[in-house]
Amino acid sequence: MFWGLVALVPVTLVQGFVTASWQLIAARVAQGAAVGAALVRSQVRDA
């Protein structure tokens, strides 16, 4: 969970500096992966 949240911060910041649509798509995919990592780890820990 911790590393997913740590990855989420820079990925979210990058979204403010994109200049092309493909960069935004890549940033959103990375953001989704970071959120997924945070959720999966928290679900495994809570089980």
N, C-alpha and C. Protein backbone atom coordinates (compact mmCIF):
# COMPACT_ATOMS: atom_id res chain seq x y z
N MET A 1 0.82 -1.19 0.00
CA MET A 1 0.00 0.00 0.00
C MET A 1 0.86 1.25 0.00
N PHE A 2 1.89 1.25 0.82
CA PHE A 2 2.73 2.44 0.95
C PHE A 2 3.39 2.80 -0.37
N TRP A 3 3.96 1.80 -1.07
CA TRP A 3 4.66 2.10 -2.32
C TRP A 3 3.71 2.53 -3.42
N GLY A 4 2.50 2.02 -3.41
CA GLY A 4 1.51 2.48 -4.38
C GLY A 4 1.17 3.94 -4.17
N LEU A 5 1.05 4.35 -2.91
CA LEU A 5 0.78 5.76 -2.61
C LEU A 5 1.98 6.63 -2.92
N VAL A 6 3.17 6.12 -2.66
CA VAL A 6 4.39 6.87 -2.98
C VAL A 6 4.49 7.07 -4.49
N ALA A 7 4.16 6.07 -5.27
CA ALA A 7 4.20 6.19 -6.73
C ALA A 7 3.12 7.13 -7.25
N LEU A 8 2.05 7.25 -6.52
CA LEU A 8 0.93 8.07 -6.97
C LEU A 8 1.27 9.56 -6.98
N VAL A 9 2.10 10.01 -6.06
CA VAL A 9 2.42 11.44 -5.97
C VAL A 9 3.14 11.95 -7.23
N PRO A 10 4.27 11.38 -7.65
CA PRO A 10 4.93 11.91 -8.85
C PRO A 10 4.12 11.71 -10.12
N VAL A 11 3.39 10.60 -10.19
CA VAL A 11 2.57 10.36 -11.38
C VAL A 11 1.49 11.43 -11.50
N THR A 12 0.88 11.79 -10.39
CA THR A 12 -0.14 12.84 -10.42
C THR A 12 0.48 14.19 -10.78
N LEU A 13 1.65 14.48 -10.28
CA LEU A 13 2.32 15.74 -10.62
C LEU A 13 2.68 15.81 -12.10
N VAL A 14 3.07 14.69 -12.69
CA VAL A 14 3.43 14.65 -14.11
C VAL A 14 2.26 15.06 -14.98
N GLN A 15 1.06 14.75 -14.55
CA GLN A 15 -0.12 15.06 -15.35
C GLN A 15 -0.28 16.56 -15.59
N GLY A 16 0.28 17.37 -14.71
CA GLY A 16 0.20 18.81 -14.90
C GLY A 16 1.16 19.36 -15.93
N PHE A 17 2.11 18.54 -16.38
CA PHE A 17 3.15 19.02 -17.29
C PHE A 17 3.14 18.35 -18.65
N VAL A 18 2.13 17.56 -18.93
CA VAL A 18 2.08 16.87 -20.22
C VAL A 18 1.77 17.87 -21.34
N THR A 19 2.33 17.59 -22.52
CA THR A 19 2.11 18.48 -23.67
C THR A 19 1.48 17.75 -24.85
N ALA A 20 1.32 16.45 -24.73
CA ALA A 20 0.72 15.67 -25.81
C ALA A 20 -0.29 14.70 -25.22
N SER A 21 -1.24 14.32 -26.05
CA SER A 21 -2.29 13.44 -25.56
C SER A 21 -1.75 12.06 -25.17
N TRP A 22 -0.75 11.56 -25.89
CA TRP A 22 -0.19 10.25 -25.54
C TRP A 22 0.49 10.29 -24.18
N GLN A 23 1.06 11.44 -23.83
CA GLN A 23 1.69 11.56 -22.52
C GLN A 23 0.64 11.51 -21.40
N LEU A 24 -0.50 12.13 -21.65
CA LEU A 24 -1.58 12.09 -20.67
C LEU A 24 -2.12 10.67 -20.52
N ILE A 25 -2.24 9.97 -21.62
CA ILE A 25 -2.71 8.59 -21.56
C ILE A 25 -1.72 7.73 -20.76
N ALA A 26 -0.43 7.91 -21.02
CA ALA A 26 0.59 7.15 -20.28
C ALA A 26 0.57 7.50 -18.80
N ALA A 27 0.39 8.78 -18.49
CA ALA A 27 0.34 9.19 -17.08
C ALA A 27 -0.88 8.61 -16.38
N ARG A 28 -2.01 8.57 -17.07
CA ARG A 28 -3.22 8.01 -16.48
C ARG A 28 -3.08 6.50 -16.27
N VAL A 29 -2.42 5.82 -17.19
CA VAL A 29 -2.18 4.37 -17.02
C VAL A 29 -1.29 4.14 -15.81
N ALA A 30 -0.23 4.96 -15.69
CA ALA A 30 0.67 4.83 -14.54
C ALA A 30 -0.07 5.15 -13.24
N GLN A 31 -0.96 6.14 -13.28
CA GLN A 31 -1.74 6.48 -12.09
C GLN A 31 -2.65 5.31 -11.71
N GLY A 32 -3.27 4.71 -12.68
CA GLY A 32 -4.13 3.55 -12.42
C GLY A 32 -3.35 2.38 -11.83
N ALA A 33 -2.13 2.17 -12.32
CA ALA A 33 -1.29 1.10 -11.78
C ALA A 33 -0.91 1.39 -10.33
N ALA A 34 -0.61 2.65 -10.03
CA ALA A 34 -0.24 3.02 -8.66
C ALA A 34 -1.42 2.85 -7.72
N VAL A 35 -2.59 3.26 -8.15
CA VAL A 35 -3.79 3.09 -7.31
C VAL A 35 -4.09 1.61 -7.13
N GLY A 36 -3.95 0.84 -8.20
CA GLY A 36 -4.16 -0.60 -8.11
C GLY A 36 -3.20 -1.25 -7.14
N ALA A 37 -1.93 -0.82 -7.18
CA ALA A 37 -0.94 -1.37 -6.25
C ALA A 37 -1.30 -1.03 -4.82
N ALA A 38 -1.76 0.17 -4.59
CA ALA A 38 -2.14 0.58 -3.23
C ALA A 38 -3.35 -0.22 -2.75
N LEU A 39 -4.32 -0.43 -3.62
CA LEU A 39 -5.53 -1.15 -3.21
C LEU A 39 -5.28 -2.64 -3.02
N VAL A 40 -4.50 -3.23 -3.91
CA VAL A 40 -4.24 -4.66 -3.80
C VAL A 40 -3.48 -4.96 -2.51
N ARG A 41 -2.48 -4.17 -2.22
CA ARG A 41 -1.71 -4.40 -1.00
C ARG A 41 -2.58 -4.20 0.24
N SER A 42 -3.47 -3.23 0.21
CA SER A 42 -4.31 -3.02 1.39
C SER A 42 -5.34 -4.16 1.53
N GLN A 43 -5.83 -4.68 0.41
CA GLN A 43 -6.79 -5.78 0.47
C GLN A 43 -6.11 -7.06 0.96
N VAL A 44 -4.88 -7.31 0.55
CA VAL A 44 -4.16 -8.49 0.98
C VAL A 44 -3.86 -8.39 2.47
N ARG A 45 -3.47 -7.22 2.92
CA ARG A 45 -3.13 -7.03 4.33
C ARG A 45 -4.36 -7.19 5.22
N ASP A 46 -5.54 -6.72 4.75
CA ASP A 46 -6.75 -6.77 5.55
C ASP A 46 -7.38 -8.16 5.59
N ALA A 47 -7.01 -9.02 4.64
CA ALA A 47 -7.64 -10.35 4.55
C ALA A 47 -7.17 -11.27 5.65
